[in-house]
Amino acid sequence: MMRPLHAAFAVTCLLGMGMLVIAGGQALNSQPSAAIPSESEIVVDTDIGDVIFGEDVQDSEPDAPEALPQEPQPALPLRPIEPDIIAPPELEPAELERLPPREPLSDLSQAVPPKPKPNAEWQGATLFRPVASAAGRISAQDRAVTIAGIDLVAAGETCTDQGRQWPCGARATTAFRAFLRGRAVICDIPQEAGSGAFTVRCRLGKQDIGEWLVANGWARADADGPYAQAAEKAQKSGKGIYGHAPDLSGLPPAPPSGSVEPPKVPDSIIELPGPSETIPPMQPDDLPAPSR
């Protein structure tokens, strides 16, 4: 009798649950469709990440800034465009005044002055490998040249400095040879002139040889020559023959002449053991016979 009652209770529960499900579905369907917005009515604010429905779209938009009051612009005067009015007026040439050009802002834009052309007096003969016999006297290619405008210092001349004598002539010759160094010089000698002795001006490159000798004190300038001013500067500066005697205190004393015998030169650079023997020259019979 108990089993039929259990079956009836189970069937009743199932029916009740079915009725509840049906009633809930009907309740959902009975709500108005306007409560759920469509996709077209949903607006996403990308700045704050919130979802705004269609009713709040207008309220969420920022208010536009109020337009600032603009000041009234003055009206530009009207100008008629006609050739007779806008053309420059005619002026008389007497009313015009030419102003001098302004000075340049810098020297960079100015033209460079042309280089001076070589003087015609330097167009002379070229002497190759000159040899100096004294300060201001050279010889080359069968020509003996003495520099014009100077008073030579002889090679054997001596100068006095506070009671001491020193060979200023030898020093002047040595300095002049070091200046030349065998380089070619150009002297004011005509091209057609042959061999002989000449007293002319010469130059080494662009350097006047006479001026160099006088300026360094290795020659005296003529009274009426072109190097008088250079001689005054050399004398005031104490250069060359106008200077002091060289200090030779650090050098060893020179040996007296004739006290030391010169070293003997050996007959052969090869040292042979035993007594030195002379090797006899080869005879014709000792020579090998030529091969055929």
C-alpha atoms as a PDB file:
ATOM      1  CA  MET A   1       0.000   0.000   0.000  1.00  0.00           C
ATOM      2  CA  MET A   2       3.012   2.351   0.534  1.00  0.00           C
ATOM      3  CA  ARG A   3       4.498   2.177  -2.963  1.00  0.00           C
ATOM      4  CA  PRO A   4       1.551   3.706  -4.870  1.00  0.00           C
ATOM      5  CA  LEU A   5       1.575   6.681  -2.480  1.00  0.00           C
ATOM      6  CA  HIS A   6       5.288   7.405  -3.189  1.00  0.00           C
ATOM      7  CA  ALA A   7       4.705   7.266  -6.917  1.00  0.00           C
ATOM      8  CA  ALA A   8       1.790   9.653  -6.721  1.00  0.00           C
ATOM      9  CA  PHE A   9       3.834  12.156  -4.648  1.00  0.00           C
ATOM     10  CA  ALA A  10       6.662  12.127  -7.193  1.00  0.00           C
ATOM     11  CA  VAL A  11       4.323  12.771 -10.069  1.00  0.00           C
ATOM     12  CA  THR A  12       2.751  15.681  -8.191  1.00  0.00           C
ATOM     13  CA  CYS A  13       6.181  17.294  -7.576  1.00  0.00           C
ATOM     14  CA  LEU A  14       7.139  17.016 -11.229  1.00  0.00           C
ATOM     15  CA  LEU A  15       3.918  18.600 -12.321  1.00  0.00           C
ATOM     16  CA  GLY A  16       4.424  21.462  -9.834  1.00  0.00           C
ATOM     17  CA  MET A  17       7.957  22.167 -11.082  1.00  0.00           C
ATOM     18  CA  GLY A  18       6.753  22.165 -14.666  1.00  0.00           C
ATOM     19  CA  MET A  19       4.067  24.685 -13.804  1.00  0.00           C
ATOM     20  CA  LEU A  20       6.633  26.957 -12.140  1.00  0.00           C
ATOM     21  CA  VAL A  21       8.918  26.870 -15.229  1.00  0.00           C
ATOM     22  CA  ILE A  22       6.009  27.707 -17.525  1.00  0.00           C
ATOM     23  CA  ALA A  23       4.912  30.582 -15.287  1.00  0.00           C
ATOM     24  CA  GLY A  24       8.423  32.048 -15.186  1.00  0.00           C
ATOM     25  CA  GLY A  25       8.731  32.001 -18.983  1.00  0.00           C
ATOM     26  CA  GLN A  26       5.429  33.749 -19.365  1.00  0.00           C
ATOM     27  CA  ALA A  27       6.514  36.409 -16.863  1.00  0.00           C
ATOM     28  CA  LEU A  28       9.662  37.160 -18.868  1.00  0.00           C
ATOM     29  CA  ASN A  29       7.839  37.401 -22.133  1.00  0.00           C
ATOM     30  CA  SER A  30       5.337  39.785 -20.616  1.00  0.00           C
ATOM     31  CA  GLN A  31       8.054  42.562 -20.005  1.00  0.00           C
ATOM     32  CA  PRO A  32       8.136  45.437 -22.584  1.00  0.00           C
ATOM     33  CA  SER A  33      10.780  45.159 -25.314  1.00  0.00           C
ATOM     34  CA  ALA A  34      11.936  48.779 -24.828  1.00  0.00           C
ATOM     35  CA  ALA A  35      13.587  47.827 -21.536  1.00  0.00           C
ATOM     36  CA  ILE A  36      16.441  46.079 -23.384  1.00  0.00           C
ATOM     37  CA  PRO A  37      18.356  48.496 -25.670  1.00  0.00           C
ATOM     38  CA  SER A  38      19.465  47.408 -29.092  1.00  0.00           C
ATOM     39  CA  GLU A  39      23.056  47.432 -30.364  1.00  0.00           C
ATOM     40  CA  SER A  40      22.492  50.668 -32.290  1.00  0.00           C
ATOM     41  CA  GLU A  41      21.407  52.442 -29.090  1.00  0.00           C
ATOM     42  CA  ILE A  42      24.544  51.509 -27.079  1.00  0.00           C
ATOM     43  CA  VAL A  43      27.352  54.078 -27.068  1.00  0.00           C
ATOM     44  CA  VAL A  44      30.794  53.239 -25.651  1.00  0.00           C
ATOM     45  CA  ASP A  45      32.798  56.133 -24.166  1.00  0.00           C
ATOM     46  CA  THR A  46      36.398  55.235 -25.047  1.00  0.00           C
ATOM     47  CA  ASP A  47      37.814  57.831 -22.661  1.00  0.00           C
ATOM     48  CA  ILE A  48      36.367  56.385 -19.438  1.00  0.00           C
ATOM     49  CA  GLY A  49      35.390  52.902 -20.604  1.00  0.00           C
ATOM     50  CA  ASP A  50      31.704  53.207 -19.511  1.00  0.00           C
ATOM     51  CA  VAL A  51      28.704  52.063 -21.515  1.00  0.00           C
ATOM     52  CA  ILE A  52      26.112  54.775 -22.088  1.00  0.00           C
ATOM     53  CA  PHE A  53      22.615  53.845 -23.239  1.00  0.00           C
ATOM     54  CA  GLY A  54      20.608  55.735 -25.797  1.00  0.00           C
ATOM     55  CA  GLU A  55      18.749  57.888 -23.315  1.00  0.00           C
ATOM     56  CA  ASP A  56      21.961  59.329 -21.818  1.00  0.00           C
ATOM     57  CA  VAL A  57      23.898  59.975 -25.068  1.00  0.00           C
ATOM     58  CA  GLN A  58      23.001  63.625 -25.289  1.00  0.00           C
ATOM     59  CA  ASP A  59      23.668  64.284 -21.622  1.00  0.00           C
ATOM     60  CA  SER A  60      27.182  62.689 -21.747  1.00  0.00           C
ATOM     61  CA  GLU A  61      28.494  64.928 -24.551  1.00  0.00           C
ATOM     62  CA  PRO A  62      30.813  67.745 -23.317  1.00  0.00           C
ATOM     63  CA  ASP A  63      29.520  71.243 -23.507  1.00  0.00           C
ATOM     64  CA  ALA A  64      30.909  73.287 -26.403  1.00  0.00           C
ATOM     65  CA  PRO A  65      33.045  76.276 -25.320  1.00  0.00           C
ATOM     66  CA  GLU A  66      31.410  79.581 -25.598  1.00  0.00           C
ATOM     67  CA  ALA A  67      32.568  81.708 -28.507  1.00  0.00           C
ATOM     68  CA  LEU A  68      34.809  84.607 -27.462  1.00  0.00           C
ATOM     69  CA  PRO A  69      33.738  88.039 -28.537  1.00  0.00           C
ATOM     70  CA  GLN A  70      35.731  89.207 -31.551  1.00  0.00           C
ATOM     71  CA  GLU A  71      36.929  92.754 -31.878  1.00  0.00           C
ATOM     72  CA  PRO A  72      35.821  94.499 -35.007  1.00  0.00           C
ATOM     73  CA  GLN A  73      38.604  94.744 -37.593  1.00  0.00           C
ATOM     74  CA  PRO A  74      39.231  98.150 -39.148  1.00  0.00           C
ATOM     75  CA  ALA A  75      38.246  98.329 -42.733  1.00  0.00           C
ATOM     76  CA  LEU A  76      41.200  98.530 -45.146  1.00  0.00           C
ATOM     77  CA  PRO A  77      41.213 101.527 -47.449  1.00  0.00           C
ATOM     78  CA  LEU A  78      40.376 100.756 -50.984  1.00  0.00           C
ATOM     79  CA  ARG A  79      43.055 101.484 -53.583  1.00  0.00           C
ATOM     80  CA  PRO A  80      42.174 101.734 -57.216  1.00  0.00           C
ATOM     81  CA  ILE A  81      44.448  99.660 -59.385  1.00  0.00           C
ATOM     82  CA  GLU A  82      45.137 101.770 -62.453  1.00  0.00           C
ATOM     83  CA  PRO A  83      48.423 102.211 -64.323  1.00  0.00           C
ATOM     84  CA  ASP A  84      48.170 105.972 -64.250  1.00  0.00           C
ATOM     85  CA  ILE A  85      47.859 106.051 -60.476  1.00  0.00           C
ATOM     86  CA  ILE A  86      50.219 103.297 -59.241  1.00  0.00           C
ATOM     87  CA  ALA A  87      53.070 104.101 -61.697  1.00  0.00           C
ATOM     88  CA  PRO A  88      56.026 106.023 -60.170  1.00  0.00           C
ATOM     89  CA  PRO A  89      55.988 109.723 -60.833  1.00  0.00           C
ATOM     90  CA  GLU A  90      58.332 111.188 -63.387  1.00  0.00           C
ATOM     91  CA  LEU A  91      61.411 112.853 -61.875  1.00  0.00           C
ATOM     92  CA  GLU A  92      63.909 115.186 -63.386  1.00  0.00           C
ATOM     93  CA  PRO A  93      67.560 113.951 -63.483  1.00  0.00           C
ATOM     94  CA  ALA A  94      68.643 117.083 -61.625  1.00  0.00           C
ATOM     95  CA  GLU A  95      66.486 116.081 -58.636  1.00  0.00           C
ATOM     96  CA  LEU A  96      68.238 112.687 -58.250  1.00  0.00           C
ATOM     97  CA  GLU A  97      71.285 112.361 -56.026  1.00  0.00           C
ATOM     98  CA  ARG A  98      73.722 109.423 -56.252  1.00  0.00           C
ATOM     99  CA  LEU A  99      74.855 108.257 -52.803  1.00  0.00           C
ATOM    100  CA  PRO A 100      78.262 106.651 -52.275  1.00  0.00           C
ATOM    101  CA  PRO A 101      78.238 102.846 -51.745  1.00  0.00           C
ATOM    102  CA  ARG A 102      78.318 101.659 -48.180  1.00  0.00           C
ATOM    103  CA  GLU A 103      81.445 100.130 -46.758  1.00  0.00           C
ATOM    104  CA  PRO A 104      81.634  96.297 -46.814  1.00  0.00           C
ATOM    105  CA  LEU A 105      80.750  94.481 -43.625  1.00  0.00           C
ATOM    106  CA  SER A 106      84.008  92.484 -43.736  1.00  0.00           C
ATOM    107  CA  ASP A 107      87.098  91.996 -45.885  1.00  0.00           C
ATOM    108  CA  LEU A 108      86.023  88.507 -46.968  1.00  0.00           C
ATOM    109  CA  SER A 109      83.916  89.771 -49.854  1.00  0.00           C
ATOM    110  CA  GLN A 110      86.578  92.096 -51.229  1.00  0.00           C
ATOM    111  CA  ALA A 111      88.669  91.094 -54.184  1.00  0.00           C
ATOM    112  CA  VAL A 112      92.189  89.905 -53.463  1.00  0.00           C
ATOM    113  CA  PRO A 113      94.823  92.239 -54.902  1.00  0.00           C
ATOM    114  CA  PRO A 114      96.809  90.708 -57.756  1.00  0.00           C
ATOM    115  CA  LYS A 115     100.168  89.221 -56.960  1.00  0.00           C
ATOM    116  CA  PRO A 116     103.098  91.475 -57.845  1.00  0.00           C
ATOM    117  CA  LYS A 117     104.899  90.476 -60.965  1.00  0.00           C
ATOM    118  CA  PRO A 118     108.559  89.588 -60.664  1.00  0.00           C
ATOM    119  CA  ASN A 119     110.891  92.503 -61.135  1.00  0.00           C
ATOM    120  CA  ALA A 120     112.558  92.671 -64.492  1.00  0.00           C
ATOM    121  CA  GLU A 121     115.967  93.170 -62.867  1.00  0.00           C
ATOM    122  CA  TRP A 122     115.817  89.641 -61.438  1.00  0.00           C
ATOM    123  CA  GLN A 123     115.499  88.070 -64.855  1.00  0.00           C
ATOM    124  CA  GLY A 124     119.122  87.021 -65.093  1.00  0.00           C
ATOM    125  CA  ALA A 125     121.317  83.974 -65.435  1.00  0.00           C
ATOM    126  CA  THR A 126     120.930  80.889 -63.259  1.00  0.00           C
ATOM    127  CA  LEU A 127     124.108  79.567 -61.662  1.00  0.00           C
ATOM    128  CA  PHE A 128     123.965  75.926 -60.651  1.00  0.00           C
ATOM    129  CA  ARG A 129     125.938  74.394 -57.753  1.00  0.00           C
ATOM    130  CA  PRO A 130     127.617  77.625 -56.609  1.00  0.00           C
ATOM    131  CA  VAL A 131     130.710  77.411 -54.396  1.00  0.00           C
ATOM    132  CA  ALA A 132     131.307  80.140 -51.789  1.00  0.00           C
ATOM    133  CA  SER A 133     134.918  81.250 -51.319  1.00  0.00           C
ATOM    134  CA  ALA A 134     133.877  84.028 -48.912  1.00  0.00           C
ATOM    135  CA  ALA A 135     130.693  85.501 -47.494  1.00  0.00           C
ATOM    136  CA  GLY A 136     129.254  87.226 -50.565  1.00  0.00           C
ATOM    137  CA  ARG A 137     131.519  85.737 -53.244  1.00  0.00           C
ATOM    138  CA  ILE A 138     130.583  82.668 -55.260  1.00  0.00           C
ATOM    139  CA  SER A 139     131.878  80.905 -58.356  1.00  0.00           C
ATOM    140  CA  ALA A 140     129.989  78.642 -60.736  1.00  0.00           C
ATOM    141  CA  GLN A 141     130.203  77.729 -64.422  1.00  0.00           C
ATOM    142  CA  ASP A 142     133.399  79.702 -65.096  1.00  0.00           C
ATOM    143  CA  ARG A 143     131.882  82.815 -63.511  1.00  0.00           C
ATOM    144  CA  ALA A 144     133.046  84.613 -60.378  1.00  0.00           C
ATOM    145  CA  VAL A 145     130.256  86.667 -58.827  1.00  0.00           C
ATOM    146  CA  THR A 146     130.565  89.231 -56.041  1.00  0.00           C
ATOM    147  CA  ILE A 147     127.333  90.360 -54.447  1.00  0.00           C
ATOM    148  CA  ALA A 148     126.726  94.053 -55.167  1.00  0.00           C
ATOM    149  CA  GLY A 149     125.877  96.578 -52.455  1.00  0.00           C
ATOM    150  CA  ILE A 150     127.937  94.988 -49.636  1.00  0.00           C
ATOM    151  CA  ASP A 151     131.443  95.186 -48.192  1.00  0.00           C
ATOM    152  CA  LEU A 152     132.802  91.647 -48.049  1.00  0.00           C
ATOM    153  CA  VAL A 153     134.186  90.100 -44.883  1.00  0.00           C
ATOM    154  CA  ALA A 154     137.343  88.285 -45.988  1.00  0.00           C
ATOM    155  CA  ALA A 155     137.689  84.633 -45.081  1.00  0.00           C
ATOM    156  CA  GLY A 156     140.821  85.296 -43.009  1.00  0.00           C
ATOM    157  CA  GLU A 157     139.526  88.426 -41.239  1.00  0.00           C
ATOM    158  CA  THR A 158     139.498  88.529 -37.419  1.00  0.00           C
ATOM    159  CA  CYS A 159     137.230  90.546 -35.134  1.00  0.00           C
ATOM    160  CA  THR A 160     137.878  91.842 -31.617  1.00  0.00           C
ATOM    161  CA  ASP A 161     135.437  91.428 -28.748  1.00  0.00           C
ATOM    162  CA  GLN A 162     136.519  92.973 -25.422  1.00  0.00           C
ATOM    163  CA  GLY A 163     140.169  92.334 -26.192  1.00  0.00           C
ATOM    164  CA  ARG A 164     139.617  88.823 -27.554  1.00  0.00           C
ATOM    165  CA  GLN A 165     140.143  88.085 -31.215  1.00  0.00           C
ATOM    166  CA  TRP A 166     138.086  85.497 -33.018  1.00  0.00           C
ATOM    167  CA  PRO A 167     137.963  84.378 -36.691  1.00  0.00           C
ATOM    168  CA  CYS A 168     134.827  86.182 -37.767  1.00  0.00           C
ATOM    169  CA  GLY A 169     135.718  85.837 -41.462  1.00  0.00           C
ATOM    170  CA  ALA A 170     135.804  82.029 -41.259  1.00  0.00           C
ATOM    171  CA  ARG A 171     132.513  82.028 -39.362  1.00  0.00           C
ATOM    172  CA  ALA A 172     130.925  84.280 -41.992  1.00  0.00           C
ATOM    173  CA  THR A 173     132.078  81.986 -44.814  1.00  0.00           C
ATOM    174  CA  THR A 174     130.747  78.915 -43.021  1.00  0.00           C
ATOM    175  CA  ALA A 175     127.388  80.571 -42.412  1.00  0.00           C
ATOM    176  CA  PHE A 176     127.137  81.631 -46.057  1.00  0.00           C
ATOM    177  CA  ARG A 177     127.906  78.098 -47.276  1.00  0.00           C
ATOM    178  CA  ALA A 178     125.242  76.689 -44.962  1.00  0.00           C
ATOM    179  CA  PHE A 179     122.786  79.212 -46.400  1.00  0.00           C
ATOM    180  CA  LEU A 180     123.521  78.243 -50.005  1.00  0.00           C
ATOM    181  CA  ARG A 181     123.783  74.442 -49.558  1.00  0.00           C
ATOM    182  CA  GLY A 182     124.723  74.128 -53.217  1.00  0.00           C
ATOM    183  CA  ARG A 183     121.362  75.444 -54.429  1.00  0.00           C
ATOM    184  CA  ALA A 184     121.064  77.327 -57.706  1.00  0.00           C
ATOM    185  CA  VAL A 185     121.066  81.125 -57.539  1.00  0.00           C
ATOM    186  CA  ILE A 186     119.855  83.711 -60.056  1.00  0.00           C
ATOM    187  CA  CYS A 187     122.147  86.682 -60.643  1.00  0.00           C
ATOM    188  CA  ASP A 188     121.616  89.835 -62.649  1.00  0.00           C
ATOM    189  CA  ILE A 189     123.866  88.704 -65.488  1.00  0.00           C
ATOM    190  CA  PRO A 190     122.793  88.991 -69.116  1.00  0.00           C
ATOM    191  CA  GLN A 191     122.040  85.690 -70.744  1.00  0.00           C
ATOM    192  CA  GLU A 192     124.481  86.352 -73.572  1.00  0.00           C
ATOM    193  CA  ALA A 193     127.352  87.164 -71.189  1.00  0.00           C
ATOM    194  CA  GLY A 194     130.143  84.613 -71.139  1.00  0.00           C
ATOM    195  CA  SER A 195     132.578  83.662 -68.410  1.00  0.00           C
ATOM    196  CA  GLY A 196     134.279  86.313 -66.263  1.00  0.00           C
ATOM    197  CA  ALA A 197     133.929  88.277 -63.034  1.00  0.00           C
ATOM    198  CA  PHE A 198     130.734  90.144 -62.210  1.00  0.00           C
ATOM    199  CA  THR A 199     129.550  92.338 -59.357  1.00  0.00           C
ATOM    200  CA  VAL A 200     125.770  92.048 -59.438  1.00  0.00           C
ATOM    201  CA  ARG A 201     122.803  91.359 -57.213  1.00  0.00           C
ATOM    202  CA  CYS A 202     121.714  87.735 -56.733  1.00  0.00           C
ATOM    203  CA  ARG A 203     118.841  85.943 -55.123  1.00  0.00           C
ATOM    204  CA  LEU A 204     118.151  82.462 -53.823  1.00  0.00           C
ATOM    205  CA  GLY A 205     114.498  81.717 -54.482  1.00  0.00           C
ATOM    206  CA  LYS A 206     112.764  84.919 -53.312  1.00  0.00           C
ATOM    207  CA  GLN A 207     115.520  85.876 -50.838  1.00  0.00           C
ATOM    208  CA  ASP A 208     117.919  88.665 -51.731  1.00  0.00           C
ATOM    209  CA  ILE A 209     121.379  87.263 -50.928  1.00  0.00           C
ATOM    210  CA  GLY A 210     122.906  90.669 -50.198  1.00  0.00           C
ATOM    211  CA  GLU A 211     120.087  91.565 -47.830  1.00  0.00           C
ATOM    212  CA  TRP A 212     120.446  88.221 -46.018  1.00  0.00           C
ATOM    213  CA  LEU A 213     124.191  88.704 -45.508  1.00  0.00           C
ATOM    214  CA  VAL A 214     123.836  92.230 -44.154  1.00  0.00           C
ATOM    215  CA  ALA A 215     120.773  91.472 -41.999  1.00  0.00           C
ATOM    216  CA  ASN A 216     122.587  88.580 -40.297  1.00  0.00           C
ATOM    217  CA  GLY A 217     125.797  90.544 -39.788  1.00  0.00           C
ATOM    218  CA  TRP A 218     128.005  88.511 -42.132  1.00  0.00           C
ATOM    219  CA  ALA A 219     128.703  91.470 -44.419  1.00  0.00           C
ATOM    220  CA  ARG A 220     128.870  95.243 -44.168  1.00  0.00           C
ATOM    221  CA  ALA A 221     126.591  97.440 -46.249  1.00  0.00           C
ATOM    222  CA  ASP A 222     127.804 100.126 -48.595  1.00  0.00           C
ATOM    223  CA  ALA A 223     127.064 103.645 -47.448  1.00  0.00           C
ATOM    224  CA  ASP A 224     125.050 104.443 -50.586  1.00  0.00           C
ATOM    225  CA  GLY A 225     123.697 100.895 -51.073  1.00  0.00           C
ATOM    226  CA  PRO A 226     120.194  99.514 -50.559  1.00  0.00           C
ATOM    227  CA  TYR A 227     121.084  97.590 -47.369  1.00  0.00           C
ATOM    228  CA  ALA A 228     121.985 100.462 -45.016  1.00  0.00           C
ATOM    229  CA  GLN A 229     118.852 100.036 -42.889  1.00  0.00           C
ATOM    230  CA  ALA A 230     119.407  96.289 -42.558  1.00  0.00           C
ATOM    231  CA  ALA A 231     122.988  96.923 -41.408  1.00  0.00           C
ATOM    232  CA  GLU A 232     121.798  99.262 -38.640  1.00  0.00           C
ATOM    233  CA  LYS A 233     119.386  96.616 -37.307  1.00  0.00           C
ATOM    234  CA  ALA A 234     122.096  93.929 -37.352  1.00  0.00           C
ATOM    235  CA  GLN A 235     124.520  96.183 -35.520  1.00  0.00           C
ATOM    236  CA  LYS A 236     121.968  97.060 -32.830  1.00  0.00           C
ATOM    237  CA  SER A 237     121.027  93.397 -32.408  1.00  0.00           C
ATOM    238  CA  GLY A 238     124.660  92.289 -32.210  1.00  0.00           C
ATOM    239  CA  LYS A 239     124.474  89.750 -35.033  1.00  0.00           C
ATOM    240  CA  GLY A 240     127.354  88.215 -36.929  1.00  0.00           C
ATOM    241  CA  ILE A 241     130.558  90.226 -36.814  1.00  0.00           C
ATOM    242  CA  TYR A 242     128.909  92.726 -34.458  1.00  0.00           C
ATOM    243  CA  GLY A 243     128.252  90.053 -31.844  1.00  0.00           C
ATOM    244  CA  HIS A 244     130.385  88.460 -29.169  1.00  0.00           C
ATOM    245  CA  ALA A 245     133.164  85.985 -29.739  1.00  0.00           C
ATOM    246  CA  PRO A 246     132.046  82.352 -29.568  1.00  0.00           C
ATOM    247  CA  ASP A 247     132.533  80.623 -26.224  1.00  0.00           C
ATOM    248  CA  LEU A 248     135.031  77.773 -26.701  1.00  0.00           C
ATOM    249  CA  SER A 249     135.568  76.994 -23.028  1.00  0.00           C
ATOM    250  CA  GLY A 250     133.774  73.640 -23.268  1.00  0.00           C
ATOM    251  CA  LEU A 251     136.017  72.330 -26.086  1.00  0.00           C
ATOM    252  CA  PRO A 252     139.238  70.410 -25.370  1.00  0.00           C
ATOM    253  CA  PRO A 253     142.481  72.312 -26.066  1.00  0.00           C
ATOM    254  CA  ALA A 254     143.965  71.870 -29.507  1.00  0.00           C
ATOM    255  CA  PRO A 255     147.191  69.787 -29.575  1.00  0.00           C
ATOM    256  CA  PRO A 256     150.373  71.642 -30.510  1.00  0.00           C
ATOM    257  CA  SER A 257     151.381  71.272 -34.109  1.00  0.00           C
ATOM    258  CA  GLY A 258     154.040  68.613 -34.782  1.00  0.00           C
ATOM    259  CA  SER A 259     153.843  66.983 -31.325  1.00  0.00           C
ATOM    260  CA  VAL A 260     151.580  64.106 -32.304  1.00  0.00           C
ATOM    261  CA  GLU A 261     152.526  61.777 -35.145  1.00  0.00           C
ATOM    262  CA  PRO A 262     149.745  60.835 -37.509  1.00  0.00           C
ATOM    263  CA  PRO A 263     148.566  57.221 -37.231  1.00  0.00           C
ATOM    264  CA  LYS A 264     150.152  54.729 -39.600  1.00  0.00           C
ATOM    265  CA  VAL A 265     147.921  53.211 -42.178  1.00  0.00           C
ATOM    266  CA  PRO A 266     148.403  49.402 -42.489  1.00  0.00           C
ATOM    267  CA  ASP A 267     149.234  47.920 -45.851  1.00  0.00           C
ATOM    268  CA  SER A 268     146.293  45.527 -45.642  1.00  0.00           C
ATOM    269  CA  ILE A 269     143.143  45.426 -43.617  1.00  0.00           C
ATOM    270  CA  ILE A 270     143.545  41.632 -43.239  1.00  0.00           C
ATOM    271  CA  GLU A 271     145.865  40.537 -40.466  1.00  0.00           C
ATOM    272  CA  LEU A 272     147.876  37.460 -41.564  1.00  0.00           C
ATOM    273  CA  PRO A 273     149.575  35.218 -38.958  1.00  0.00           C
ATOM    274  CA  GLY A 274     153.339  35.072 -38.980  1.00  0.00           C
ATOM    275  CA  PRO A 275     155.703  37.292 -40.906  1.00  0.00           C
ATOM    276  CA  SER A 276     154.159  39.310 -43.649  1.00  0.00           C
ATOM    277  CA  GLU A 277     154.881  37.803 -47.043  1.00  0.00           C
ATOM    278  CA  THR A 278     154.252  39.313 -50.403  1.00  0.00           C
ATOM    279  CA  ILE A 279     152.167  37.163 -52.695  1.00  0.00           C
ATOM    280  CA  PRO A 280     153.913  36.950 -56.079  1.00  0.00           C
ATOM    281  CA  PRO A 281     151.852  37.956 -59.069  1.00  0.00           C
ATOM    282  CA  MET A 282     150.417  35.234 -61.276  1.00  0.00           C
ATOM    283  CA  GLN A 283     152.463  34.244 -64.315  1.00  0.00           C
ATOM    284  CA  PRO A 284     150.995  33.568 -67.740  1.00  0.00           C
ATOM    285  CA  ASP A 285     151.858  29.855 -67.396  1.00  0.00           C
ATOM    286  CA  ASP A 286     149.762  29.614 -64.218  1.00  0.00           C
ATOM    287  CA  LEU A 287     146.606  30.780 -65.927  1.00  0.00           C
ATOM    288  CA  PRO A 288     144.130  28.010 -66.882  1.00  0.00           C
ATOM    289  CA  ALA A 289     143.893  27.095 -70.539  1.00  0.00           C
ATOM    290  CA  PRO A 290     140.750  28.382 -72.257  1.00  0.00           C
ATOM    291  CA  SER A 291     138.112  25.739 -72.838  1.00  0.00           C
ATOM    292  CA  ARG A 292     137.158  24.859 -76.395  1.00  0.00           C
END
